[in-house]
Amino acid sequence: MENQVKCRCGADHHGHLCMLRSNGLLEEIARVNSDPKFYCFTCGGEANCSENLCEPAPISA
């Protein structure tokens, strides 16, 4: 039986920054955080879209 990798938030979110990091997808990471507008309460990572984070919050200007 194959193990399902879960996101830090407990869901199956393959596009989340923490999942991209754990899979070593450096080019994809660069794409999703090229112009960050949100950060993650869980890992502190930053991303362009909230959909790429487990617990997103807007970055204050």
Protein backbone atom coordinates (compact mmCIF):
# COMPACT_ATOMS: atom_id res chain seq x y z
CA MET A 1 0.00 0.00 0.00
CA GLU A 2 1.31 3.45 -0.97
CA ASN A 3 1.71 6.16 1.69
CA GLN A 4 -0.29 9.33 1.09
CA VAL A 5 1.74 12.43 1.86
CA LYS A 6 -0.28 14.96 3.85
CA CYS A 7 0.23 18.65 4.16
CA ARG A 8 1.13 20.23 7.53
CA CYS A 9 -2.48 21.32 7.87
CA GLY A 10 -3.56 17.66 7.58
CA ALA A 11 -5.01 17.88 4.08
CA ASP A 12 -3.82 16.55 0.75
CA HIS A 13 -2.61 19.85 -0.74
CA HIS A 14 0.09 19.17 -3.32
CA GLY A 15 0.42 22.88 -4.24
CA HIS A 16 1.08 24.13 -0.72
CA LEU A 17 4.50 25.63 -0.11
CA CYS A 18 5.35 23.13 2.65
CA MET A 19 4.61 20.23 0.27
CA LEU A 20 6.67 21.79 -2.51
CA ARG A 21 9.58 22.21 -0.06
CA SER A 22 9.39 18.65 1.22
CA ASN A 23 9.45 17.39 -2.38
CA GLY A 24 12.38 19.65 -3.36
CA LEU A 25 10.45 21.39 -6.15
CA LEU A 26 12.63 24.50 -6.27
CA GLU A 27 11.36 25.84 -9.61
CA GLU A 28 7.74 25.55 -8.48
CA ILE A 29 8.61 27.27 -5.17
CA ALA A 30 10.20 30.16 -7.10
CA ARG A 31 7.05 30.45 -9.21
CA VAL A 32 4.61 30.56 -6.26
CA ASN A 33 6.63 33.08 -4.22
CA SER A 34 7.94 35.44 -6.91
CA ASP A 35 5.72 38.30 -5.67
CA PRO A 36 4.44 37.24 -2.23
CA LYS A 37 1.24 38.77 -0.91
CA PHE A 38 0.52 36.18 1.84
CA TYR A 39 2.47 34.39 4.58
CA CYS A 40 1.72 31.18 6.43
CA PHE A 41 1.05 31.11 10.20
CA THR A 42 2.28 27.49 10.26
CA CYS A 43 5.63 27.62 8.48
CA GLY A 44 6.28 31.33 7.93
CA GLY A 45 6.59 30.77 4.19
CA GLU A 46 5.44 33.42 1.73
CA ALA A 47 3.44 32.96 -1.47
CA ASN A 48 1.75 34.97 -4.19
CA CYS A 49 -1.65 33.33 -3.53
CA SER A 50 -3.28 32.21 -0.30
CA GLU A 51 -4.12 28.86 -1.93
CA ASN A 52 -0.45 27.86 -1.67
CA LEU A 53 -0.37 28.10 2.15
CA CYS A 54 -1.88 26.08 5.00
CA GLU A 55 -2.83 29.03 7.21
CA PRO A 56 -2.56 32.15 5.04
CA ALA A 57 -2.63 35.76 6.17
CA PRO A 58 -2.02 38.86 4.06
CA ILE A 59 1.36 40.53 4.20
CA SER A 60 0.90 44.10 5.36
CA ALA A 61 2.37 46.74 3.11
